[in-house]
Amino acid sequence: MRYIRYAFLAALAVVLVTVALANRDVVVLHLLPADLASLTGLSLTLSLPMFVVIFGAIVAGLLIGFVWEYMREYKHRSAASGHKREKEKLAREVDKLKTAKAKSEGDEVLALLEN
């Protein structure tokens, strides 16, 4: 299984390096469209190689997906935590009842022996 993981990572590295080499041209990213930038007077631009833009978009998409999934599963984690607390409470109660029963049975045996 370890070799399959290494082979997958090597193939992924080859694909990423190939994409990076094929997209080395510099592109200009604008914060706002030209009309809106001239209206607001805010013309922020950034010049980056295309592969940085591609990989940045992939990373941003992954992060947004992780945060979205974390928020979506909150109710399930909360319910699981509540069930775990309830299970532990019931287990303590069962142990307490078992020890109480063992003590009461021991007392009955002693009472019979004393007679």
PDB file of N, CA and C in Angstrom:
ATOM      1  N   MET A   1       0.821  -1.188   0.000  1.00  0.00           N
ATOM      2  CA  MET A   1       0.000   0.000   0.000  1.00  0.00           C
ATOM      3  C   MET A   1       0.872   1.262   0.000  1.00  0.00           C
ATOM      4  N   ARG A   2       1.996   1.176   0.691  1.00  0.00           N
ATOM      5  CA  ARG A   2       2.900   2.316   0.758  1.00  0.00           C
ATOM      6  C   ARG A   2       3.455   2.639  -0.625  1.00  0.00           C
ATOM      7  N   TYR A   3       3.747   1.606  -1.416  1.00  0.00           N
ATOM      8  CA  TYR A   3       4.305   1.831  -2.746  1.00  0.00           C
ATOM      9  C   TYR A   3       3.283   2.475  -3.678  1.00  0.00           C
ATOM     10  N   ILE A   4       2.027   2.112  -3.511  1.00  0.00           N
ATOM     11  CA  ILE A   4       0.971   2.725  -4.323  1.00  0.00           C
ATOM     12  C   ILE A   4       0.878   4.217  -3.992  1.00  0.00           C
ATOM     13  N   ARG A   5       0.978   4.557  -2.710  1.00  0.00           N
ATOM     14  CA  ARG A   5       0.928   5.964  -2.299  1.00  0.00           C
ATOM     15  C   ARG A   5       2.111   6.728  -2.890  1.00  0.00           C
ATOM     16  N   TYR A   6       3.307   6.146  -2.819  1.00  0.00           N
ATOM     17  CA  TYR A   6       4.485   6.803  -3.385  1.00  0.00           C
ATOM     18  C   TYR A   6       4.360   6.962  -4.898  1.00  0.00           C
ATOM     19  N   ALA A   7       3.833   5.948  -5.571  1.00  0.00           N
ATOM     20  CA  ALA A   7       3.644   6.036  -7.023  1.00  0.00           C
ATOM     21  C   ALA A   7       2.640   7.135  -7.365  1.00  0.00           C
ATOM     22  N   PHE A   8       1.567   7.236  -6.594  1.00  0.00           N
ATOM     23  CA  PHE A   8       0.571   8.280  -6.830  1.00  0.00           C
ATOM     24  C   PHE A   8       1.174   9.662  -6.613  1.00  0.00           C
ATOM     25  N   LEU A   9       1.938   9.828  -5.535  1.00  0.00           N
ATOM     26  CA  LEU A   9       2.559  11.122  -5.262  1.00  0.00           C
ATOM     27  C   LEU A   9       3.574  11.494  -6.339  1.00  0.00           C
ATOM     28  N   ALA A  10       4.315  10.518  -6.836  1.00  0.00           N
ATOM     29  CA  ALA A  10       5.279  10.777  -7.907  1.00  0.00           C
ATOM     30  C   ALA A  10       4.558  11.191  -9.186  1.00  0.00           C
ATOM     31  N   ALA A  11       3.467  10.500  -9.529  1.00  0.00           N
ATOM     32  CA  ALA A  11       2.701  10.859 -10.724  1.00  0.00           C
ATOM     33  C   ALA A  11       2.088  12.247 -10.565  1.00  0.00           C
ATOM     34  N   LEU A  12       1.590  12.562  -9.381  1.00  0.00           N
ATOM     35  CA  LEU A  12       1.033  13.885  -9.128  1.00  0.00           C
ATOM     36  C   LEU A  12       2.102  14.963  -9.251  1.00  0.00           C
ATOM     37  N   ALA A  13       3.295  14.700  -8.753  1.00  0.00           N
ATOM     38  CA  ALA A  13       4.394  15.658  -8.866  1.00  0.00           C
ATOM     39  C   ALA A  13       4.759  15.897 -10.322  1.00  0.00           C
ATOM     40  N   VAL A  14       4.795  14.832 -11.119  1.00  0.00           N
ATOM     41  CA  VAL A  14       5.117  14.974 -12.542  1.00  0.00           C
ATOM     42  C   VAL A  14       4.053  15.827 -13.234  1.00  0.00           C
ATOM     43  N   VAL A  15       2.783  15.572 -12.929  1.00  0.00           N
ATOM     44  CA  VAL A  15       1.701  16.346 -13.544  1.00  0.00           C
ATOM     45  C   VAL A  15       1.787  17.817 -13.139  1.00  0.00           C
ATOM     46  N   LEU A  16       2.039  18.088 -11.850  1.00  0.00           N
ATOM     47  CA  LEU A  16       2.122  19.472 -11.387  1.00  0.00           C
ATOM     48  C   LEU A  16       3.307  20.213 -11.992  1.00  0.00           C
ATOM     49  N   VAL A  17       4.444  19.552 -12.099  1.00  0.00           N
ATOM     50  CA  VAL A  17       5.618  20.181 -12.716  1.00  0.00           C
ATOM     51  C   VAL A  17       5.354  20.436 -14.194  1.00  0.00           C
ATOM     52  N   THR A  18       4.694  19.519 -14.874  1.00  0.00           N
ATOM     53  CA  THR A  18       4.368  19.698 -16.291  1.00  0.00           C
ATOM     54  C   THR A  18       3.435  20.888 -16.487  1.00  0.00           C
ATOM     55  N   VAL A  19       2.417  20.994 -15.632  1.00  0.00           N
ATOM     56  CA  VAL A  19       1.487  22.131 -15.715  1.00  0.00           C
ATOM     57  C   VAL A  19       2.232  23.434 -15.443  1.00  0.00           C
ATOM     58  N   ALA A  20       3.119  23.420 -14.459  1.00  0.00           N
ATOM     59  CA  ALA A  20       3.872  24.629 -14.134  1.00  0.00           C
ATOM     60  C   ALA A  20       4.772  25.043 -15.301  1.00  0.00           C
ATOM     61  N   LEU A  21       5.426  24.082 -15.944  1.00  0.00           N
ATOM     62  CA  LEU A  21       6.315  24.409 -17.065  1.00  0.00           C
ATOM     63  C   LEU A  21       5.530  24.884 -18.282  1.00  0.00           C
ATOM     64  N   ALA A  22       4.348  24.349 -18.468  1.00  0.00           N
ATOM     65  CA  ALA A  22       3.542  24.737 -19.630  1.00  0.00           C
ATOM     66  C   ALA A  22       2.887  26.102 -19.435  1.00  0.00           C
ATOM     67  N   ASN A  23       2.782  26.587 -18.207  1.00  0.00           N
ATOM     68  CA  ASN A  23       2.081  27.838 -17.919  1.00  0.00           C
ATOM     69  C   ASN A  23       2.990  28.832 -17.200  1.00  0.00           C
ATOM     70  N   ARG A  24       4.152  29.102 -17.789  1.00  0.00           N
ATOM     71  CA  ARG A  24       5.100  30.024 -17.171  1.00  0.00           C
ATOM     72  C   ARG A  24       4.861  31.473 -17.552  1.00  0.00           C
ATOM     73  N   ASP A  25       4.000  31.734 -18.503  1.00  0.00           N
ATOM     74  CA  ASP A  25       3.757  33.104 -18.943  1.00  0.00           C
ATOM     75  C   ASP A  25       3.164  33.930 -17.809  1.00  0.00           C
ATOM     76  N   VAL A  26       3.535  35.215 -17.777  1.00  0.00           N
ATOM     77  CA  VAL A  26       3.047  36.115 -16.737  1.00  0.00           C
ATOM     78  C   VAL A  26       1.685  36.660 -17.158  1.00  0.00           C
ATOM     79  N   VAL A  27       0.746  36.624 -16.227  1.00  0.00           N
ATOM     80  CA  VAL A  27      -0.593  37.183 -16.457  1.00  0.00           C
ATOM     81  C   VAL A  27      -0.816  38.294 -15.436  1.00  0.00           C
ATOM     82  N   VAL A  28      -1.709  39.212 -15.787  1.00  0.00           N
ATOM     83  CA  VAL A  28      -2.016  40.330 -14.905  1.00  0.00           C
ATOM     84  C   VAL A  28      -3.403  40.088 -14.307  1.00  0.00           C
ATOM     85  N   LEU A  29      -3.474  40.084 -12.985  1.00  0.00           N
ATOM     86  CA  LEU A  29      -4.749  39.930 -12.289  1.00  0.00           C
ATOM     87  C   LEU A  29      -5.211  41.301 -11.812  1.00  0.00           C
ATOM     88  N   HIS A  30      -6.453  41.640 -12.099  1.00  0.00           N
ATOM     89  CA  HIS A  30      -7.039  42.909 -11.682  1.00  0.00           C
ATOM     90  C   HIS A  30      -8.018  42.638 -10.544  1.00  0.00           C
ATOM     91  N   LEU A  31      -7.993  43.487  -9.518  1.00  0.00           N
ATOM     92  CA  LEU A  31      -8.916  43.342  -8.399  1.00  0.00           C
ATOM     93  C   LEU A  31     -10.346  43.654  -8.819  1.00  0.00           C
ATOM     94  N   LEU A  32     -10.524  44.681  -9.623  1.00  0.00           N
ATOM     95  CA  LEU A  32     -11.847  45.100 -10.086  1.00  0.00           C
ATOM     96  C   LEU A  32     -11.865  45.191 -11.606  1.00  0.00           C
ATOM     97  N   PRO A  33     -13.038  45.076 -12.223  1.00  0.00           N
ATOM     98  CA  PRO A  33     -13.125  45.319 -13.672  1.00  0.00           C
ATOM     99  C   PRO A  33     -12.715  46.764 -13.987  1.00  0.00           C
ATOM    100  N   ALA A  34     -12.296  47.012 -15.218  1.00  0.00           N
ATOM    101  CA  ALA A  34     -11.739  48.314 -15.604  1.00  0.00           C
ATOM    102  C   ALA A  34     -12.720  49.458 -15.346  1.00  0.00           C
ATOM    103  N   ASP A  35     -13.990  49.295 -15.702  1.00  0.00           N
ATOM    104  CA  ASP A  35     -14.971  50.368 -15.498  1.00  0.00           C
ATOM    105  C   ASP A  35     -15.164  50.682 -14.026  1.00  0.00           C
ATOM    106  N   LEU A  36     -15.275  49.648 -13.217  1.00  0.00           N
ATOM    107  CA  LEU A  36     -15.474  49.857 -11.784  1.00  0.00           C
ATOM    108  C   LEU A  36     -14.213  50.418 -11.129  1.00  0.00           C
ATOM    109  N   ALA A  37     -13.048  50.013 -11.614  1.00  0.00           N
ATOM    110  CA  ALA A  37     -11.790  50.535 -11.077  1.00  0.00           C
ATOM    111  C   ALA A  37     -11.648  52.017 -11.377  1.00  0.00           C
ATOM    112  N   SER A  38     -12.033  52.452 -12.573  1.00  0.00           N
ATOM    113  CA  SER A  38     -11.944  53.880 -12.896  1.00  0.00           C
ATOM    114  C   SER A  38     -12.981  54.674 -12.104  1.00  0.00           C
ATOM    115  N   LEU A  39     -14.116  54.092 -11.817  1.00  0.00           N
ATOM    116  CA  LEU A  39     -15.155  54.771 -11.043  1.00  0.00           C
ATOM    117  C   LEU A  39     -14.730  54.960  -9.586  1.00  0.00           C
ATOM    118  N   THR A  40     -14.145  53.927  -8.992  1.00  0.00           N
ATOM    119  CA  THR A  40     -13.737  54.004  -7.588  1.00  0.00           C
ATOM    120  C   THR A  40     -12.340  54.570  -7.406  1.00  0.00           C
ATOM    121  N   GLY A  41     -11.566  54.574  -8.447  1.00  0.00           N
ATOM    122  CA  GLY A  41     -10.188  55.042  -8.340  1.00  0.00           C
ATOM    123  C   GLY A  41      -9.273  54.003  -7.716  1.00  0.00           C
ATOM    124  N   LEU A  42      -9.732  52.785  -7.612  1.00  0.00           N
ATOM    125  CA  LEU A  42      -8.988  51.688  -7.000  1.00  0.00           C
ATOM    126  C   LEU A  42      -8.565  50.718  -8.098  1.00  0.00           C
ATOM    127  N   SER A  43      -7.340  50.820  -8.530  1.00  0.00           N
ATOM    128  CA  SER A  43      -6.876  49.968  -9.622  1.00  0.00           C
ATOM    129  C   SER A  43      -5.715  49.116  -9.125  1.00  0.00           C
ATOM    130  N   LEU A  44      -6.029  48.034  -8.426  1.00  0.00           N
ATOM    131  CA  LEU A  44      -5.000  47.131  -7.926  1.00  0.00           C
ATOM    132  C   LEU A  44      -4.794  45.994  -8.919  1.00  0.00           C
ATOM    133  N   THR A  45      -3.559  45.806  -9.326  1.00  0.00           N
ATOM    134  CA  THR A  45      -3.219  44.721 -10.248  1.00  0.00           C
ATOM    135  C   THR A  45      -2.055  43.935  -9.675  1.00  0.00           C
ATOM    136  N   LEU A  46      -1.948  42.718 -10.129  1.00  0.00           N
ATOM    137  CA  LEU A  46      -0.895  41.833  -9.662  1.00  0.00           C
ATOM    138  C   LEU A  46      -0.422  41.003 -10.850  1.00  0.00           C
ATOM    139  N   SER A  47       0.870  40.949 -11.078  1.00  0.00           N
ATOM    140  CA  SER A  47       1.430  40.158 -12.174  1.00  0.00           C
ATOM    141  C   SER A  47       2.046  38.895 -11.598  1.00  0.00           C
ATOM    142  N   LEU A  48       1.545  37.760 -12.048  1.00  0.00           N
ATOM    143  CA  LEU A  48       2.007  36.454 -11.560  1.00  0.00           C
ATOM    144  C   LEU A  48       2.121  35.472 -12.718  1.00  0.00           C
ATOM    145  N   PRO A  49       2.981  34.468 -12.593  1.00  0.00           N
ATOM    146  CA  PRO A  49       2.975  33.386 -13.585  1.00  0.00           C
ATOM    147  C   PRO A  49       1.639  32.633 -13.526  1.00  0.00           C
ATOM    148  N   MET A  50       1.218  32.130 -14.642  1.00  0.00           N
ATOM    149  CA  MET A  50      -0.088  31.477 -14.725  1.00  0.00           C
ATOM    150  C   MET A  50      -0.188  30.258 -13.806  1.00  0.00           C
ATOM    151  N   PHE A  51       0.892  29.497 -13.655  1.00  0.00           N
ATOM    152  CA  PHE A  51       0.804  28.306 -12.809  1.00  0.00           C
ATOM    153  C   PHE A  51       0.578  28.672 -11.348  1.00  0.00           C
ATOM    154  N   VAL A  52       1.067  29.841 -10.908  1.00  0.00           N
ATOM    155  CA  VAL A  52       0.804  30.285  -9.539  1.00  0.00           C
ATOM    156  C   VAL A  52      -0.679  30.581  -9.368  1.00  0.00           C
ATOM    157  N   VAL A  53      -1.277  31.174 -10.389  1.00  0.00           N
ATOM    158  CA  VAL A  53      -2.719  31.456 -10.346  1.00  0.00           C
ATOM    159  C   VAL A  53      -3.510  30.148 -10.299  1.00  0.00           C
ATOM    160  N   ILE A  54      -3.122  29.190 -11.111  1.00  0.00           N
ATOM    161  CA  ILE A  54      -3.824  27.895 -11.152  1.00  0.00           C
ATOM    162  C   ILE A  54      -3.707  27.180  -9.808  1.00  0.00           C
ATOM    163  N   PHE A  55      -2.487  27.071  -9.287  1.00  0.00           N
ATOM    164  CA  PHE A  55      -2.292  26.369  -8.019  1.00  0.00           C
ATOM    165  C   PHE A  55      -2.942  27.129  -6.863  1.00  0.00           C
ATOM    166  N   GLY A  56      -2.902  28.460  -6.917  1.00  0.00           N
ATOM    167  CA  GLY A  56      -3.575  29.260  -5.888  1.00  0.00           C
ATOM    168  C   GLY A  56      -5.076  29.039  -5.895  1.00  0.00           C
ATOM    169  N   ALA A  57      -5.657  28.921  -7.081  1.00  0.00           N
ATOM    170  CA  ALA A  57      -7.091  28.664  -7.183  1.00  0.00           C
ATOM    171  C   ALA A  57      -7.434  27.284  -6.633  1.00  0.00           C
ATOM    172  N   ILE A  58      -6.578  26.311  -6.891  1.00  0.00           N
ATOM    173  CA  ILE A  58      -6.813  24.960  -6.364  1.00  0.00           C
ATOM    174  C   ILE A  58      -6.753  24.972  -4.840  1.00  0.00           C
ATOM    175  N   VAL A  59      -5.748  25.629  -4.280  1.00  0.00           N
ATOM    176  CA  VAL A  59      -5.602  25.692  -2.819  1.00  0.00           C
ATOM    177  C   VAL A  59      -6.770  26.451  -2.199  1.00  0.00           C
ATOM    178  N   ALA A  60      -7.166  27.567  -2.822  1.00  0.00           N
ATOM    179  CA  ALA A  60      -8.313  28.334  -2.301  1.00  0.00           C
ATOM    180  C   ALA A  60      -9.582  27.489  -2.340  1.00  0.00           C
ATOM    181  N   GLY A  61      -9.783  26.740  -3.402  1.00  0.00           N
ATOM    182  CA  GLY A  61     -10.955  25.870  -3.498  1.00  0.00           C
ATOM    183  C   GLY A  61     -10.954  24.789  -2.431  1.00  0.00           C
ATOM    184  N   LEU A  62      -9.787  24.207  -2.173  1.00  0.00           N
ATOM    185  CA  LEU A  62      -9.686  23.189  -1.123  1.00  0.00           C
ATOM    186  C   LEU A  62     -10.003  23.775   0.247  1.00  0.00           C
ATOM    187  N   LEU A  63      -9.438  24.947   0.531  1.00  0.00           N
ATOM    188  CA  LEU A  63      -9.692  25.577   1.827  1.00  0.00           C
ATOM    189  C   LEU A  63     -11.163  25.935   2.011  1.00  0.00           C
ATOM    190  N   ILE A  64     -11.770  26.487   0.970  1.00  0.00           N
ATOM    191  CA  ILE A  64     -13.200  26.811   1.050  1.00  0.00           C
ATOM    192  C   ILE A  64     -14.014  25.534   1.255  1.00  0.00           C
ATOM    193  N   GLY A  65     -13.658  24.472   0.569  1.00  0.00           N
ATOM    194  CA  GLY A  65     -14.368  23.200   0.726  1.00  0.00           C
ATOM    195  C   GLY A  65     -14.211  22.623   2.121  1.00  0.00           C
ATOM    196  N   PHE A  66     -13.013  22.696   2.701  1.00  0.00           N
ATOM    197  CA  PHE A  66     -12.791  22.186   4.058  1.00  0.00           C
ATOM    198  C   PHE A  66     -13.601  22.975   5.076  1.00  0.00           C
ATOM    199  N   VAL A  67     -13.598  24.292   4.951  1.00  0.00           N
ATOM    200  CA  VAL A  67     -14.362  25.120   5.887  1.00  0.00           C
ATOM    201  C   VAL A  67     -15.853  24.855   5.734  1.00  0.00           C
ATOM    202  N   TRP A  68     -16.319  24.763   4.502  1.00  0.00           N
ATOM    203  CA  TRP A  68     -17.738  24.494   4.249  1.00  0.00           C
ATOM    204  C   TRP A  68     -18.148  23.157   4.858  1.00  0.00           C
ATOM    205  N   GLU A  69     -17.339  22.149   4.657  1.00  0.00           N
ATOM    206  CA  GLU A  69     -17.652  20.812   5.181  1.00  0.00           C
ATOM    207  C   GLU A  69     -17.600  20.808   6.704  1.00  0.00           C
ATOM    208  N   TYR A  70     -16.656  21.524   7.293  1.00  0.00           N
ATOM    209  CA  TYR A  70     -16.561  21.612   8.751  1.00  0.00           C
ATOM    210  C   TYR A  70     -17.832  22.227   9.323  1.00  0.00           C
ATOM    211  N   MET A  71     -18.295  23.299   8.703  1.00  0.00           N
ATOM    212  CA  MET A  71     -19.518  23.946   9.184  1.00  0.00           C
ATOM    213  C   MET A  71     -20.741  23.056   8.956  1.00  0.00           C
ATOM    214  N   ARG A  72     -20.773  22.329   7.842  1.00  0.00           N
ATOM    215  CA  ARG A  72     -21.915  21.479   7.524  1.00  0.00           C
ATOM    216  C   ARG A  72     -22.034  20.302   8.500  1.00  0.00           C
ATOM    217  N   GLU A  73     -20.910  19.780   8.953  1.00  0.00           N
ATOM    218  CA  GLU A  73     -20.924  18.606   9.827  1.00  0.00           C
ATOM    219  C   GLU A  73     -20.964  18.958  11.311  1.00  0.00           C
ATOM    220  N   TYR A  74     -21.121  20.232  11.653  1.00  0.00           N
ATOM    221  CA  TYR A  74     -21.126  20.641  13.061  1.00  0.00           C
ATOM    222  C   TYR A  74     -22.222  19.930  13.846  1.00  0.00           C
ATOM    223  N   LYS A  75     -23.423  19.839  13.268  1.00  0.00           N
ATOM    224  CA  LYS A  75     -24.532  19.221  14.005  1.00  0.00           C
ATOM    225  C   LYS A  75     -24.262  17.738  14.269  1.00  0.00           C
ATOM    226  N   HIS A  76     -23.588  17.078  13.360  1.00  0.00           N
ATOM    227  CA  HIS A  76     -23.275  15.658  13.559  1.00  0.00           C
ATOM    228  C   HIS A  76     -22.229  15.476  14.656  1.00  0.00           C
ATOM    229  N   ARG A  77     -21.201  16.332  14.667  1.00  0.00           N
ATOM    230  CA  ARG A  77     -20.193  16.251  15.719  1.00  0.00           C
ATOM    231  C   ARG A  77     -20.797  16.578  17.078  1.00  0.00           C
ATOM    232  N   SER A  78     -21.690  17.556  17.105  1.00  0.00           N
ATOM    233  CA  SER A  78     -22.340  17.934  18.355  1.00  0.00           C
ATOM    234  C   SER A  78     -23.199  16.785  18.886  1.00  0.00           C
ATOM    235  N   ALA A  79     -23.960  16.143  18.019  1.00  0.00           N
ATOM    236  CA  ALA A  79     -24.801  15.014  18.431  1.00  0.00           C
ATOM    237  C   ALA A  79     -23.936  13.853  18.913  1.00  0.00           C
ATOM    238  N   ALA A  80     -22.841  13.579  18.221  1.00  0.00           N
ATOM    239  CA  ALA A  80     -21.944  12.488  18.621  1.00  0.00           C
ATOM    240  C   ALA A  80     -21.340  12.774  19.992  1.00  0.00           C
ATOM    241  N   SER A  81     -20.987  14.004  20.243  1.00  0.00           N
ATOM    242  CA  SER A  81     -20.426  14.380  21.548  1.00  0.00           C
ATOM    243  C   SER A  81     -21.461  14.186  22.650  1.00  0.00           C
ATOM    244  N   GLY A  82     -22.704  14.566  22.378  1.00  0.00           N
ATOM    245  CA  GLY A  82     -23.774  14.368  23.358  1.00  0.00           C
ATOM    246  C   GLY A  82     -24.020  12.898  23.645  1.00  0.00           C
ATOM    247  N   HIS A  83     -24.012  12.085  22.600  1.00  0.00           N
ATOM    248  CA  HIS A  83     -24.207  10.637  22.778  1.00  0.00           C
ATOM    249  C   HIS A  83     -23.056  10.029  23.573  1.00  0.00           C
ATOM    250  N   LYS A  84     -21.849  10.513  23.334  1.00  0.00           N
ATOM    251  CA  LYS A  84     -20.687   9.992  24.070  1.00  0.00           C
ATOM    252  C   LYS A  84     -20.804  10.318  25.553  1.00  0.00           C
ATOM    253  N   ARG A  85     -21.195  11.565  25.872  1.00  0.00           N
ATOM    254  CA  ARG A  85     -21.366  11.942  27.278  1.00  0.00           C
ATOM    255  C   ARG A  85     -22.462  11.099  27.935  1.00  0.00           C
ATOM    256  N   GLU A  86     -23.561  10.877  27.214  1.00  0.00           N
ATOM    257  CA  GLU A  86     -24.650  10.073  27.768  1.00  0.00           C
ATOM    258  C   GLU A  86     -24.212   8.629  27.994  1.00  0.00           C
ATOM    259  N   LYS A  87     -23.437   8.079  27.069  1.00  0.00           N
ATOM    260  CA  LYS A  87     -22.944   6.707  27.204  1.00  0.00           C
ATOM    261  C   LYS A  87     -22.039   6.582  28.427  1.00  0.00           C
ATOM    262  N   GLU A  88     -21.157   7.556  28.611  1.00  0.00           N
ATOM    263  CA  GLU A  88     -20.256   7.513  29.764  1.00  0.00           C
ATOM    264  C   GLU A  88     -21.039   7.646  31.074  1.00  0.00           C
ATOM    265  N   LYS A  89     -22.061   8.478  31.087  1.00  0.00           N
ATOM    266  CA  LYS A  89     -22.888   8.646  32.279  1.00  0.00           C
ATOM    267  C   LYS A  89     -23.612   7.342  32.615  1.00  0.00           C
ATOM    268  N   LEU A  90     -24.172   6.702  31.591  1.00  0.00           N
ATOM    269  CA  LEU A  90     -24.882   5.436  31.818  1.00  0.00           C
ATOM    270  C   LEU A  90     -23.918   4.327  32.248  1.00  0.00           C
ATOM    271  N   ALA A  91     -22.713   4.310  31.716  1.00  0.00           N
ATOM    272  CA  ALA A  91     -21.729   3.300  32.109  1.00  0.00           C
ATOM    273  C   ALA A  91     -21.350   3.480  33.579  1.00  0.00           C
ATOM    274  N   ARG A  92     -21.188   4.735  34.021  1.00  0.00           N
ATOM    275  CA  ARG A  92     -20.890   4.972  35.439  1.00  0.00           C
ATOM    276  C   ARG A  92     -22.055   4.519  36.316  1.00  0.00           C
ATOM    277  N   GLU A  93     -23.269   4.761  35.862  1.00  0.00           N
ATOM    278  CA  GLU A  93     -24.447   4.360  36.636  1.00  0.00           C
ATOM    279  C   GLU A  93     -24.542   2.838  36.740  1.00  0.00           C
ATOM    280  N   VAL A  94     -24.248   2.133  35.645  1.00  0.00           N
ATOM    281  CA  VAL A  94     -24.275   0.673  35.662  1.00  0.00           C
ATOM    282  C   VAL A  94     -23.212   0.136  36.615  1.00  0.00           C
ATOM    283  N   ASP A  95     -22.014   0.710  36.580  1.00  0.00           N
ATOM    284  CA  ASP A  95     -20.963   0.275  37.507  1.00  0.00           C
ATOM    285  C   ASP A  95     -21.374   0.499  38.951  1.00  0.00           C
ATOM    286  N   LYS A  96     -22.009   1.634  39.212  1.00  0.00           N
ATOM    287  CA  LYS A  96     -22.458   1.938  40.569  1.00  0.00           C
ATOM    288  C   LYS A  96     -23.513   0.928  41.030  1.00  0.00           C
ATOM    289  N   LEU A  97     -24.430   0.580  40.122  1.00  0.00           N
ATOM    290  CA  LEU A  97     -25.466  -0.399  40.478  1.00  0.00           C
ATOM    291  C   LEU A  97     -24.868  -1.786  40.694  1.00  0.00           C
ATOM    292  N   LYS A  98     -23.865  -2.155  39.900  1.00  0.00           N
ATOM    293  CA  LYS A  98     -23.220  -3.457  40.072  1.00  0.00           C
ATOM    294  C   LYS A  98     -22.511  -3.543  41.421  1.00  0.00           C
ATOM    295  N   THR A  99     -21.803  -2.495  41.792  1.00  0.00           N
ATOM    296  CA  THR A  99     -21.107  -2.523  43.081  1.00  0.00           C
ATOM    297  C   THR A  99     -22.098  -2.515  44.237  1.00  0.00           C
ATOM    298  N   ALA A 100     -23.204  -1.792  44.084  1.00  0.00           N
ATOM    299  CA  ALA A 100     -24.224  -1.783  45.142  1.00  0.00           C
ATOM    300  C   ALA A 100     -24.849  -3.163  45.289  1.00  0.00           C
ATOM    301  N   LYS A 101     -25.099  -3.832  44.171  1.00  0.00           N
ATOM    302  CA  LYS A 101     -25.692  -5.170  44.213  1.00  0.00           C
ATOM    303  C   LYS A 101     -24.721  -6.169  44.843  1.00  0.00           C
ATOM    304  N   ALA A 102     -23.439  -6.048  44.498  1.00  0.00           N
ATOM    305  CA  ALA A 102     -22.438  -6.964  45.061  1.00  0.00           C
ATOM    306  C   ALA A 102     -22.333  -6.767  46.569  1.00  0.00           C
ATOM    307  N   LYS A 103     -22.417  -5.548  47.036  1.00  0.00           N
ATOM    308  CA  LYS A 103     -22.358  -5.298  48.481  1.00  0.00           C
ATOM    309  C   LYS A 103     -23.580  -5.868  49.186  1.00  0.00           C
ATOM    310  N   SER A 104     -24.759  -5.709  48.571  1.00  0.00           N
ATOM    311  CA  SER A 104     -25.978  -6.213  49.218  1.00  0.00           C
ATOM    312  C   SER A 104     -25.992  -7.734  49.239  1.00  0.00           C
ATOM    313  N   GLU A 105     -25.462  -8.377  48.204  1.00  0.00           N
ATOM    314  CA  GLU A 105     -25.408  -9.841  48.205  1.00  0.00           C
ATOM    315  C   GLU A 105     -24.429 -10.336  49.257  1.00  0.00           C
ATOM    316  N   GLY A 106     -23.341  -9.648  49.412  1.00  0.00           N
ATOM    317  CA  GLY A 106     -22.369 -10.036  50.428  1.00  0.00           C
ATOM    318  C   GLY A 106     -22.963  -9.911  51.819  1.00  0.00           C
ATOM    319  N   ASP A 107     -23.775  -8.921  52.055  1.00  0.00           N
ATOM    320  CA  ASP A 107     -24.414  -8.740  53.360  1.00  0.00           C
ATOM    321  C   ASP A 107     -25.389  -9.865  53.648  1.00  0.00           C
ATOM    322  N   GLU A 108     -26.135 -10.344  52.665  1.00  0.00           N
ATOM    323  CA  GLU A 108     -27.076 -11.434  52.853  1.00  0.00           C
ATOM    324  C   GLU A 108     -26.344 -12.715  53.227  1.00  0.00           C
ATOM    325  N   VAL A 109     -25.204 -12.957  52.604  1.00  0.00           N
ATOM    326  CA  VAL A 109     -24.422 -14.169  52.916  1.00  0.00           C
ATOM    327  C   VAL A 109     -23.924 -14.085  54.363  1.00  0.00           C
ATOM    328  N   LEU A 110     -23.453 -12.928  54.778  1.00  0.00           N
ATOM    329  CA  LEU A 110     -22.988 -12.771  56.148  1.00  0.00           C
ATOM    330  C   LEU A 110     -24.138 -12.942  57.139  1.00  0.00           C
ATOM    331  N   ALA A 111     -25.304 -12.450  56.775  1.00  0.00           N
ATOM    332  CA  ALA A 111     -26.466 -12.581  57.679  1.00  0.00           C
ATOM    333  C   ALA A 111     -26.835 -14.054  57.824  1.00  0.00           C
ATOM    334  N   LEU A 112     -26.766 -14.845  56.790  1.00  0.00           N
ATOM    335  CA  LEU A 112     -27.090 -16.277  56.880  1.00  0.00           C
ATOM    336  C   LEU A 112     -26.053 -17.012  57.701  1.00  0.00           C
ATOM    337  N   LEU A 113     -24.781 -16.643  57.569  1.00  0.00           N
ATOM    338  CA  LEU A 113     -23.722 -17.317  58.331  1.00  0.00           C
ATOM    339  C   LEU A 113     -23.813 -17.025  59.816  1.00  0.00           C
ATOM    340  N   GLU A 114     -24.280 -15.816  60.159  1.00  0.00           N
ATOM    341  CA  GLU A 114     -24.363 -15.439  61.564  1.00  0.00           C
ATOM    342  C   GLU A 114     -25.453 -16.205  62.284  1.00  0.00           C
ATOM    343  N   ASN A 115     -26.483 -16.618  61.587  1.00  0.00           N
ATOM    344  CA  ASN A 115     -27.597 -17.332  62.217  1.00  0.00           C
ATOM    345  C   ASN A 115     -27.267 -18.718  62.508  1.00  0.00           C
TER     346      ASN A 115
END
